[in-house]
Amino acid sequence: MRPKNQIDGILLLDKPFGLSSNQALQKVKRHFNIEKAGHTGSLDPMATGVLPLCFGEASKFAQVGLEADKTYQADIQLGQATDTGDAMGCIIETQPIPDFSPAQLAAVVGRFKGAQQQIPPMFSALKRDGKPLYLLAREGKVIERPARTIFISALSLESLGRDKLRLTVTCSKGTYIRTLAEDIAKALGTLGHLTQLRRTAVKGISGPLYTLEELLAKSKEALFLLPLDFFLQDMPCIILDKAQTLALSQGKRVFHPDVSLSSNTGPFRLYRSEGVFFGLGEKEEEGVNLRVKRLIKLIPKTCG
């Protein structure tokens, strides 16, 4: 068996149609023979677009990508509902499409922006008693799902004709665009389902993107990786001297004036004095000293 390659960094994959996020990840992982890899937020097989892959030490910060706001562009077919909420399912109901004006579209946008409650669809990877809901849905079962709070920070609707809409949305983790599309269609007095879904950005970042074909044609030496702290730039930056670096690496607390005077509790990006990214830290309960939240093996990166 070949020894695994230690590759550390973030890569933005343009996930292709027809593959699950994990299937796409495994193809990349096998091609580069990577020891450790994960992704930051699943896309349905029908969906395409930005899927951050975290290799090696970058996987320690994958949660930041999971929690980040994401932007999507989606096309909605009006007048038809499917059992899955998208074009991968079967049409189960049709309704006439009422005439609607640009003013009515604008009113719908206003209704769906901000914090709201959303009920996840049956065709989802959420689990009940250890079993994914989509498996229960395929058995014809429908169970009660508690609503969850989501937040839509940006939303626009463009009419592509009498029976089609294009939706552009920036939303919080846990938002189901299929459900949003169905709810928007309902607000217009009809039914709807997704015919196309593309994620265009994660945490406002849209590239550089690799297609799967481009990746599978490259060697690991030709791979361009984003740095480990790529998704962490909105966190405050702390520079450590050698003594502080050593103490934190040993699990000790250290005093740092930037931490004690800061109103933030963290996390803070930590860098060694020579500009090498060291990990994340946070204030201890007393709010004076700095303690470790997550440390990495040392990989060169200047503080930005």
Foldseek 3Di string as FASTA:
>chain_A
DDDADQDFFKAWAFADAQDKPVRLVVVLCVLQRADDKDWQDIDPNRETATIMMGGHQLVVVSVLLNFFKFKKKFKKFWFWAFLQLEPVGDTDGGDDQDDDDPVLQVVLQVVPAFKDWFFDHLCDQDDDPRHGSNVVVVVVDDDDGGIDIKHWHDWDWDDPDRGMIMIITIIGRPDDVSRVSQVSSVSSPTGIGTHYMYTQDGNNDRDDYDYSVRSSVDHPVPDDGHHSCPSVLVAAEDEDEPVCLVQQVVFHWAFDVVQLPDPAQDFYFYAYNVAWTFATWGADPVRGIIHHDDGDDTDHDHRD
